Amino acid sequence: MDKKITRPLNIENARIGFRNFSGKEGRFNPEGKRNFCVFLEEGVADKLKDDGWNIRVLLPKDPQDDPQHYLPVKVAYDFYPPRIFVVTETSKTELTENAIKVLDWAEIESVDLTIRPYNWKLQSSGKSGVTAYVRSMYVRIVEDEFAKKYRNVPDSAVSALEDEPLLEE
């Protein structure tokens, strides 16, 4: 009998990489597939792999360095949309499916997230596995000094310029 993962995985202060929240097509990614990876310490990765999670290993460019273990995580809005928030010193903003792409280039201070497992099995081959999906994520971004300085200034001009482009092309 196949081992099924039923409990979500909570990770505080996660290190994430290979960010593709926009779903941009690339060498390892078809168009529209949003994803990222969570880097893991070797001991944690081994335990998660034993539990059935899809742990991968990134081999180092320098042979002196250790391999880096990671968990690929999908971001999908079709059946169980995730709740993803950007957090600053003074606010928490939930990102929409269209706005989530800002995380591709954001300067991230820390990430706390809950990952839900999806157990799958191919009837034709009997092959099975677990896919990781974001359930919720809180991304604390680095605020620069000017963002802090102007944090309380109302953004009154935005409503007046809604239909006008902010920059001429």
N, C-alpha and C. Protein backbone atom coordinates (compact mmCIF):
# COMPACT_ATOMS: atom_id res chain seq x y z
N MET A 1 0.84 -1.18 0.00
CA MET A 1 0.00 0.00 0.00
C MET A 1 0.88 1.25 0.00
N ASP A 2 0.47 2.25 -0.80
CA ASP A 2 1.25 3.49 -0.90
C ASP A 2 1.07 4.34 0.36
N LYS A 3 2.16 4.98 0.73
CA LYS A 3 2.14 5.91 1.87
C LYS A 3 1.52 7.22 1.40
N LYS A 4 0.51 7.72 2.13
CA LYS A 4 -0.13 8.97 1.77
C LYS A 4 0.18 10.03 2.82
N ILE A 5 0.49 11.21 2.34
CA ILE A 5 0.72 12.34 3.22
C ILE A 5 -0.61 13.09 3.33
N THR A 6 -1.06 13.30 4.55
CA THR A 6 -2.34 13.97 4.74
C THR A 6 -2.20 15.31 5.45
N ARG A 7 -1.12 15.49 6.18
CA ARG A 7 -0.94 16.73 6.95
C ARG A 7 -0.17 17.76 6.16
N PRO A 8 -0.57 19.02 6.31
CA PRO A 8 0.20 20.09 5.66
C PRO A 8 1.56 20.26 6.32
N LEU A 9 2.44 20.88 5.60
CA LEU A 9 3.80 21.12 6.06
C LEU A 9 3.95 22.61 6.35
N ASN A 10 4.28 22.96 7.58
CA ASN A 10 4.50 24.35 7.97
C ASN A 10 5.99 24.63 8.07
N ILE A 11 6.43 25.70 7.41
CA ILE A 11 7.85 26.06 7.44
C ILE A 11 7.96 27.55 7.79
N GLU A 12 8.65 27.82 8.90
CA GLU A 12 8.93 29.20 9.30
C GLU A 12 10.31 29.59 8.81
N ASN A 13 10.46 30.86 8.46
CA ASN A 13 11.75 31.38 7.98
C ASN A 13 12.31 30.55 6.83
N ALA A 14 11.44 30.23 5.89
CA ALA A 14 11.84 29.42 4.73
C ALA A 14 12.74 30.23 3.81
N ARG A 15 13.70 29.54 3.22
CA ARG A 15 14.52 30.13 2.15
C ARG A 15 13.92 29.64 0.84
N ILE A 16 13.49 30.58 -0.01
CA ILE A 16 12.90 30.16 -1.27
C ILE A 16 13.77 30.62 -2.43
N GLY A 17 13.62 29.94 -3.56
CA GLY A 17 14.40 30.28 -4.75
C GLY A 17 13.69 29.81 -6.00
N PHE A 18 14.34 30.00 -7.14
CA PHE A 18 13.79 29.64 -8.45
C PHE A 18 12.35 30.16 -8.56
N ARG A 19 12.17 31.41 -8.16
CA ARG A 19 10.84 32.01 -8.11
C ARG A 19 10.27 32.24 -9.51
N ASN A 20 9.07 31.73 -9.72
CA ASN A 20 8.35 31.98 -10.96
C ASN A 20 6.86 32.13 -10.63
N PHE A 21 6.55 33.19 -9.88
CA PHE A 21 5.17 33.45 -9.48
C PHE A 21 4.35 33.99 -10.66
N SER A 22 5.02 34.48 -11.69
CA SER A 22 4.31 34.99 -12.87
C SER A 22 3.91 33.86 -13.81
N GLY A 23 4.54 32.70 -13.69
CA GLY A 23 4.24 31.59 -14.58
C GLY A 23 4.87 31.75 -15.95
N LYS A 24 5.97 32.49 -15.99
CA LYS A 24 6.66 32.75 -17.26
C LYS A 24 7.29 31.45 -17.80
N GLU A 25 7.17 31.27 -19.10
CA GLU A 25 7.78 30.11 -19.75
C GLU A 25 9.30 30.21 -19.65
N GLY A 26 9.94 29.09 -19.40
CA GLY A 26 11.39 29.05 -19.31
C GLY A 26 11.92 27.67 -19.65
N ARG A 27 13.19 27.51 -19.49
CA ARG A 27 13.85 26.25 -19.83
C ARG A 27 13.23 25.06 -19.08
N PHE A 28 12.88 25.26 -17.82
CA PHE A 28 12.33 24.17 -17.02
C PHE A 28 10.86 24.40 -16.66
N ASN A 29 10.19 25.31 -17.37
CA ASN A 29 8.83 25.66 -16.96
C ASN A 29 7.94 25.97 -18.16
N PRO A 30 6.80 25.27 -18.29
CA PRO A 30 5.85 25.63 -19.34
C PRO A 30 5.10 26.91 -18.97
N GLU A 31 4.64 27.63 -19.97
CA GLU A 31 3.90 28.88 -19.78
C GLU A 31 2.70 28.66 -18.85
N GLY A 32 2.55 29.58 -17.89
CA GLY A 32 1.38 29.55 -17.01
C GLY A 32 1.53 28.75 -15.73
N LYS A 33 2.60 28.02 -15.57
CA LYS A 33 2.82 27.21 -14.36
C LYS A 33 3.61 28.03 -13.36
N ARG A 34 2.96 28.42 -12.28
CA ARG A 34 3.60 29.24 -11.23
C ARG A 34 4.23 28.31 -10.20
N ASN A 35 5.44 28.63 -9.76
CA ASN A 35 6.11 27.76 -8.81
C ASN A 35 7.34 28.44 -8.21
N PHE A 36 7.90 27.77 -7.24
CA PHE A 36 9.15 28.17 -6.60
C PHE A 36 9.66 26.94 -5.86
N CYS A 37 10.79 27.06 -5.19
CA CYS A 37 11.27 25.94 -4.39
C CYS A 37 11.63 26.44 -3.00
N VAL A 38 11.58 25.51 -2.05
CA VAL A 38 11.98 25.79 -0.68
C VAL A 38 13.27 25.01 -0.43
N PHE A 39 14.33 25.72 -0.08
CA PHE A 39 15.60 25.06 0.23
C PHE A 39 15.53 24.47 1.64
N LEU A 40 16.11 23.28 1.81
CA LEU A 40 16.01 22.55 3.07
C LEU A 40 17.38 22.09 3.54
N GLU A 41 17.52 22.01 4.86
CA GLU A 41 18.72 21.40 5.43
C GLU A 41 18.66 19.89 5.14
N GLU A 42 19.82 19.25 5.04
CA GLU A 42 19.88 17.85 4.64
C GLU A 42 19.05 16.93 5.54
N GLY A 43 19.15 17.10 6.85
CA GLY A 43 18.40 16.24 7.78
C GLY A 43 16.90 16.38 7.62
N VAL A 44 16.43 17.61 7.44
CA VAL A 44 15.00 17.87 7.23
C VAL A 44 14.58 17.27 5.89
N ALA A 45 15.40 17.46 4.88
CA ALA A 45 15.09 16.93 3.55
C ALA A 45 14.98 15.40 3.58
N ASP A 46 15.89 14.75 4.28
CA ASP A 46 15.85 13.28 4.37
C ASP A 46 14.56 12.80 5.02
N LYS A 47 14.14 13.46 6.10
CA LYS A 47 12.90 13.07 6.77
C LYS A 47 11.69 13.27 5.87
N LEU A 48 11.65 14.42 5.19
CA LEU A 48 10.52 14.68 4.30
C LEU A 48 10.49 13.70 3.14
N LYS A 49 11.66 13.35 2.63
CA LYS A 49 11.73 12.37 1.53
C LYS A 49 11.22 11.01 2.02
N ASP A 50 11.61 10.61 3.23
CA ASP A 50 11.13 9.35 3.80
C ASP A 50 9.61 9.36 3.96
N ASP A 51 9.06 10.55 4.24
CA ASP A 51 7.61 10.68 4.38
C ASP A 51 6.89 10.65 3.04
N GLY A 52 7.63 10.83 1.94
CA GLY A 52 7.02 10.76 0.62
C GLY A 52 7.03 12.05 -0.19
N TRP A 53 7.53 13.15 0.39
CA TRP A 53 7.60 14.41 -0.34
C TRP A 53 8.61 14.31 -1.48
N ASN A 54 8.42 15.11 -2.53
CA ASN A 54 9.25 15.09 -3.73
C ASN A 54 10.49 15.98 -3.53
N ILE A 55 11.46 15.49 -2.79
CA ILE A 55 12.67 16.25 -2.49
C ILE A 55 13.67 16.08 -3.64
N ARG A 56 14.22 17.19 -4.08
CA ARG A 56 15.21 17.18 -5.15
C ARG A 56 16.55 17.67 -4.62
N VAL A 57 17.61 17.41 -5.39
CA VAL A 57 18.95 17.83 -4.98
C VAL A 57 19.57 18.66 -6.10
N LEU A 58 20.07 19.83 -5.73
CA LEU A 58 20.78 20.70 -6.65
C LEU A 58 22.27 20.48 -6.41
N LEU A 59 22.95 19.96 -7.43
CA LEU A 59 24.38 19.71 -7.29
C LEU A 59 25.14 21.03 -7.37
N PRO A 60 26.17 21.19 -6.56
CA PRO A 60 26.92 22.45 -6.53
C PRO A 60 27.80 22.63 -7.76
N LYS A 61 28.04 23.88 -8.12
CA LYS A 61 28.97 24.17 -9.21
C LYS A 61 30.40 23.94 -8.75
N ASP A 62 30.66 24.24 -7.49
CA ASP A 62 31.98 24.04 -6.89
C ASP A 62 31.97 22.70 -6.15
N PRO A 63 32.87 21.78 -6.51
CA PRO A 63 32.89 20.47 -5.87
C PRO A 63 33.15 20.52 -4.36
N GLN A 64 33.68 21.63 -3.88
CA GLN A 64 33.93 21.79 -2.45
C GLN A 64 32.63 22.04 -1.66
N ASP A 65 31.60 22.52 -2.35
CA ASP A 65 30.32 22.83 -1.69
C ASP A 65 29.45 21.59 -1.56
N ASP A 66 28.54 21.65 -0.60
CA ASP A 66 27.59 20.56 -0.40
C ASP A 66 26.42 20.70 -1.36
N PRO A 67 25.78 19.58 -1.72
CA PRO A 67 24.57 19.66 -2.53
C PRO A 67 23.47 20.36 -1.72
N GLN A 68 22.54 21.01 -2.42
CA GLN A 68 21.44 21.72 -1.77
C GLN A 68 20.13 20.97 -2.04
N HIS A 69 19.45 20.58 -0.97
CA HIS A 69 18.17 19.90 -1.09
C HIS A 69 17.05 20.92 -1.16
N TYR A 70 16.02 20.61 -1.95
CA TYR A 70 14.90 21.54 -2.06
C TYR A 70 13.61 20.79 -2.39
N LEU A 71 12.51 21.47 -2.10
CA LEU A 71 11.18 20.95 -2.38
C LEU A 71 10.53 21.87 -3.41
N PRO A 72 10.20 21.36 -4.61
CA PRO A 72 9.47 22.19 -5.57
C PRO A 72 8.04 22.40 -5.07
N VAL A 73 7.55 23.63 -5.18
CA VAL A 73 6.21 23.98 -4.70
C VAL A 73 5.46 24.69 -5.82
N LYS A 74 4.23 24.23 -6.07
CA LYS A 74 3.38 24.83 -7.09
C LYS A 74 2.45 25.87 -6.47
N VAL A 75 2.12 26.86 -7.27
CA VAL A 75 1.17 27.90 -6.88
C VAL A 75 0.04 27.84 -7.90
N ALA A 76 -1.11 27.31 -7.48
CA ALA A 76 -2.23 27.13 -8.41
C ALA A 76 -3.50 27.74 -7.83
N TYR A 77 -4.26 28.39 -8.68
CA TYR A 77 -5.48 29.08 -8.25
C TYR A 77 -6.75 28.37 -8.73
N ASP A 78 -6.63 27.22 -9.37
CA ASP A 78 -7.81 26.60 -9.96
C ASP A 78 -8.77 25.96 -8.95
N PHE A 79 -8.33 25.04 -8.11
CA PHE A 79 -9.24 24.33 -7.21
C PHE A 79 -9.18 24.85 -5.77
N TYR A 80 -7.99 25.02 -5.24
CA TYR A 80 -7.80 25.48 -3.87
C TYR A 80 -6.86 26.69 -3.88
N PRO A 81 -7.40 27.87 -4.15
CA PRO A 81 -6.52 29.04 -4.27
C PRO A 81 -5.76 29.32 -2.98
N PRO A 82 -4.48 29.63 -3.11
CA PRO A 82 -3.69 29.94 -1.92
C PRO A 82 -3.99 31.34 -1.41
N ARG A 83 -3.65 31.58 -0.17
CA ARG A 83 -3.72 32.92 0.41
C ARG A 83 -2.28 33.36 0.62
N ILE A 84 -1.87 34.35 -0.14
CA ILE A 84 -0.49 34.82 -0.11
C ILE A 84 -0.49 36.30 0.24
N PHE A 85 0.30 36.65 1.26
CA PHE A 85 0.32 38.00 1.78
C PHE A 85 1.72 38.59 1.71
N VAL A 86 1.79 39.89 1.40
CA VAL A 86 3.02 40.66 1.53
C VAL A 86 2.90 41.40 2.84
N VAL A 87 3.94 41.31 3.67
CA VAL A 87 3.93 41.92 4.99
C VAL A 87 5.05 42.95 5.07
N THR A 88 4.69 44.14 5.59
CA THR A 88 5.69 45.17 5.87
C THR A 88 5.62 45.47 7.36
N GLU A 89 6.35 46.46 7.81
CA GLU A 89 6.34 46.80 9.23
C GLU A 89 4.96 47.25 9.71
N THR A 90 4.17 47.80 8.81
CA THR A 90 2.89 48.37 9.23
C THR A 90 1.66 47.79 8.54
N SER A 91 1.83 46.87 7.60
CA SER A 91 0.66 46.37 6.90
C SER A 91 0.83 44.93 6.43
N LYS A 92 -0.32 44.35 6.10
CA LYS A 92 -0.37 43.01 5.51
C LYS A 92 -1.35 43.11 4.35
N THR A 93 -0.91 42.75 3.14
CA THR A 93 -1.73 42.86 1.95
C THR A 93 -1.81 41.51 1.25
N GLU A 94 -3.04 41.03 1.03
CA GLU A 94 -3.20 39.77 0.31
C GLU A 94 -3.02 40.04 -1.19
N LEU A 95 -2.22 39.22 -1.83
CA LEU A 95 -1.96 39.37 -3.26
C LEU A 95 -3.01 38.59 -4.05
N THR A 96 -3.48 39.19 -5.13
CA THR A 96 -4.40 38.51 -6.03
C THR A 96 -3.59 37.63 -6.99
N GLU A 97 -4.30 36.83 -7.75
CA GLU A 97 -3.63 35.99 -8.74
C GLU A 97 -2.86 36.84 -9.75
N ASN A 98 -3.39 37.99 -10.10
CA ASN A 98 -2.71 38.86 -11.06
C ASN A 98 -1.54 39.62 -10.44
N ALA A 99 -1.61 39.88 -9.13
CA ALA A 99 -0.56 40.68 -8.48
C ALA A 99 0.60 39.84 -7.95
N ILE A 100 0.44 38.54 -7.87
CA ILE A 100 1.46 37.69 -7.25
C ILE A 100 2.82 37.75 -7.96
N LYS A 101 2.81 38.15 -9.21
CA LYS A 101 4.06 38.22 -9.97
C LYS A 101 5.08 39.17 -9.36
N VAL A 102 4.64 40.10 -8.50
CA VAL A 102 5.60 41.02 -7.86
C VAL A 102 6.61 40.27 -7.01
N LEU A 103 6.29 39.06 -6.59
CA LEU A 103 7.22 38.29 -5.75
C LEU A 103 8.41 37.74 -6.53
N ASP A 104 8.34 37.73 -7.85
CA ASP A 104 9.47 37.25 -8.65
C ASP A 104 10.73 38.07 -8.41
N TRP A 105 10.57 39.39 -8.16
CA TRP A 105 11.73 40.26 -8.03
C TRP A 105 11.78 41.00 -6.70
N ALA A 106 10.84 40.71 -5.81
CA ALA A 106 10.81 41.40 -4.52
C ALA A 106 12.04 41.04 -3.69
N GLU A 107 12.51 42.01 -2.91
CA GLU A 107 13.60 41.75 -1.97
C GLU A 107 12.96 41.19 -0.70
N ILE A 108 13.14 39.89 -0.49
CA ILE A 108 12.44 39.18 0.57
C ILE A 108 13.31 39.08 1.82
N GLU A 109 12.71 39.43 2.94
CA GLU A 109 13.38 39.33 4.24
C GLU A 109 13.13 37.96 4.86
N SER A 110 11.88 37.50 4.85
CA SER A 110 11.56 36.18 5.40
C SER A 110 10.25 35.67 4.81
N VAL A 111 10.08 34.34 4.89
CA VAL A 111 8.87 33.69 4.39
C VAL A 111 8.42 32.64 5.39
N ASP A 112 7.14 32.67 5.73
CA ASP A 112 6.49 31.62 6.51
C ASP A 112 5.41 31.04 5.61
N LEU A 113 5.34 29.72 5.50
CA LEU A 113 4.35 29.16 4.61
C LEU A 113 3.82 27.82 5.07
N THR A 114 2.62 27.53 4.57
CA THR A 114 2.00 26.22 4.77
C THR A 114 1.85 25.60 3.39
N ILE A 115 2.33 24.37 3.27
CA ILE A 115 2.28 23.64 2.01
C ILE A 115 1.31 22.48 2.18
N ARG A 116 0.41 22.34 1.23
CA ARG A 116 -0.53 21.21 1.29
C ARG A 116 -0.05 20.12 0.32
N PRO A 117 -0.18 18.87 0.73
CA PRO A 117 0.22 17.78 -0.16
C PRO A 117 -0.92 17.37 -1.09
N TYR A 118 -0.56 16.96 -2.28
CA TYR A 118 -1.52 16.35 -3.19
C TYR A 118 -0.94 15.00 -3.59
N ASN A 119 -1.57 13.93 -3.13
CA ASN A 119 -1.13 12.57 -3.44
C ASN A 119 -1.71 12.16 -4.79
N TRP A 120 -0.85 11.70 -5.69
CA TRP A 120 -1.31 11.30 -7.01
C TRP A 120 -0.82 9.90 -7.36
N LYS A 121 -1.53 9.24 -8.27
CA LYS A 121 -1.13 7.91 -8.74
C LYS A 121 -1.61 7.75 -10.17
N LEU A 122 -0.70 7.32 -11.05
CA LEU A 122 -1.06 7.05 -12.43
C LEU A 122 -1.56 5.61 -12.53
N GLN A 123 -2.78 5.45 -12.99
CA GLN A 123 -3.35 4.12 -13.10
C GLN A 123 -2.61 3.28 -14.15
N SER A 124 -2.17 3.93 -15.22
CA SER A 124 -1.52 3.20 -16.31
C SER A 124 -0.20 2.55 -15.90
N SER A 125 0.59 3.26 -15.10
CA SER A 125 1.91 2.73 -14.75
C SER A 125 2.03 2.34 -13.28
N GLY A 126 1.08 2.79 -12.46
CA GLY A 126 1.17 2.52 -11.03
C GLY A 126 2.11 3.47 -10.30
N LYS A 127 2.73 4.36 -11.04
CA LYS A 127 3.64 5.34 -10.45
C LYS A 127 2.84 6.32 -9.60
N SER A 128 3.43 6.72 -8.45
CA SER A 128 2.73 7.63 -7.56
C SER A 128 3.71 8.61 -6.93
N GLY A 129 3.17 9.65 -6.30
CA GLY A 129 4.02 10.63 -5.65
C GLY A 129 3.19 11.68 -4.93
N VAL A 130 3.88 12.70 -4.47
CA VAL A 130 3.23 13.80 -3.76
C VAL A 130 3.70 15.10 -4.39
N THR A 131 2.73 15.95 -4.72
CA THR A 131 3.03 17.27 -5.24
C THR A 131 2.74 18.28 -4.14
N ALA A 132 3.63 19.25 -3.98
CA ALA A 132 3.48 20.28 -2.95
C ALA A 132 2.82 21.51 -3.56
N TYR A 133 1.78 22.02 -2.89
CA TYR A 133 1.09 23.24 -3.31
C TYR A 133 1.07 24.22 -2.14
N VAL A 134 1.17 25.52 -2.43
CA VAL A 134 1.05 26.53 -1.39
C VAL A 134 -0.39 26.58 -0.91
N ARG A 135 -0.56 26.54 0.41
CA ARG A 135 -1.88 26.79 1.01
C ARG A 135 -1.95 28.24 1.47
N SER A 136 -0.91 28.65 2.20
CA SER A 136 -0.82 30.04 2.62
C SER A 136 0.65 30.42 2.74
N MET A 137 0.92 31.73 2.57
CA MET A 137 2.30 32.19 2.62
C MET A 137 2.31 33.66 3.04
N TYR A 138 3.23 33.97 3.94
CA TYR A 138 3.43 35.33 4.42
C TYR A 138 4.85 35.73 4.06
N VAL A 139 4.97 36.74 3.20
CA VAL A 139 6.27 37.17 2.68
C VAL A 139 6.57 38.55 3.24
N ARG A 140 7.56 38.62 4.12
CA ARG A 140 7.99 39.91 4.65
C ARG A 140 9.02 40.47 3.69
N ILE A 141 8.73 41.67 3.17
CA ILE A 141 9.65 42.28 2.21
C ILE A 141 10.52 43.32 2.91
N VAL A 142 11.67 43.56 2.33
CA VAL A 142 12.60 44.55 2.86
C VAL A 142 12.09 45.93 2.42
N GLU A 143 11.93 46.81 3.38
CA GLU A 143 11.51 48.18 3.08
C GLU A 143 12.73 49.09 3.10
N ASP A 144 12.86 49.89 2.07
CA ASP A 144 13.98 50.84 2.08
C ASP A 144 13.62 52.07 2.92
N GLU A 145 14.58 52.94 3.13
CA GLU A 145 14.38 54.10 4.00
C GLU A 145 13.29 55.03 3.47
N PHE A 146 13.19 55.19 2.13
CA PHE A 146 12.17 56.08 1.59
C PHE A 146 10.78 55.49 1.75
N ALA A 147 10.64 54.20 1.63
CA ALA A 147 9.33 53.57 1.86
C ALA A 147 8.88 53.83 3.29
N LYS A 148 9.81 53.76 4.22
CA LYS A 148 9.48 54.04 5.62
C LYS A 148 9.14 55.52 5.81
N LYS A 149 9.92 56.40 5.17
CA LYS A 149 9.72 57.84 5.31
C LYS A 149 8.34 58.27 4.81
N TYR A 150 7.90 57.71 3.67
CA TYR A 150 6.65 58.14 3.05
C TYR A 150 5.48 57.19 3.30
N ARG A 151 5.61 56.31 4.26
CA ARG A 151 4.57 55.31 4.52
C ARG A 151 3.22 55.92 4.85
N ASN A 152 3.19 57.05 5.56
CA ASN A 152 1.92 57.63 6.00
C ASN A 152 1.38 58.73 5.08
N VAL A 153 2.01 58.95 3.95
CA VAL A 153 1.53 59.95 3.01
C VAL A 153 0.43 59.30 2.16
N PRO A 154 -0.77 59.92 2.13
CA PRO A 154 -1.87 59.34 1.35
C PRO A 154 -1.54 59.28 -0.13
N ASP A 155 -2.04 58.27 -0.79
CA ASP A 155 -1.83 58.07 -2.21
C ASP A 155 -3.04 58.63 -2.95
N SER A 156 -3.26 59.94 -2.83
CA SER A 156 -4.48 60.57 -3.32
C SER A 156 -4.55 60.71 -4.83
N ALA A 157 -3.46 60.76 -5.53
CA ALA A 157 -3.48 61.00 -6.98
C ALA A 157 -3.84 59.76 -7.78
N VAL A 158 -3.75 58.60 -7.20
CA VAL A 158 -4.00 57.38 -7.95
C VAL A 158 -5.42 57.34 -8.50
N SER A 159 -6.41 57.70 -7.70
CA SER A 159 -7.80 57.64 -8.18
C SER A 159 -8.03 58.63 -9.32
N ALA A 160 -7.36 59.78 -9.30
CA ALA A 160 -7.51 60.76 -10.36
C ALA A 160 -6.85 60.31 -11.66
N LEU A 161 -5.87 59.45 -11.56
CA LEU A 161 -5.12 59.01 -12.74
C LEU A 161 -5.44 57.58 -13.16
N GLU A 162 -6.52 57.01 -12.64
CA GLU A 162 -6.81 55.61 -12.91
C GLU A 162 -6.79 55.26 -14.39
N ASP A 163 -7.36 56.12 -15.24
CA ASP A 163 -7.44 55.80 -16.65
C ASP A 163 -6.27 56.35 -17.46
N GLU A 164 -5.38 57.06 -16.81
CA GLU A 164 -4.23 57.66 -17.49
C GLU A 164 -2.98 56.86 -17.20
N PRO A 165 -2.13 56.66 -18.20
CA PRO A 165 -0.86 55.98 -17.92
C PRO A 165 0.03 56.85 -17.05
N LEU A 166 0.79 56.22 -16.16
CA LEU A 166 1.67 56.98 -15.27
C LEU A 166 2.90 57.49 -16.01
N LEU A 167 3.33 56.77 -17.04
CA LEU A 167 4.50 57.18 -17.81
C LEU A 167 4.16 57.16 -19.30
N GLU A 168 4.65 58.14 -20.01
CA GLU A 168 4.49 58.15 -21.46
C GLU A 168 5.49 57.18 -22.07
N GLU A 169 5.08 56.49 -23.09
CA GLU A 169 6.01 55.56 -23.75
C GLU A 169 6.51 56.14 -25.04
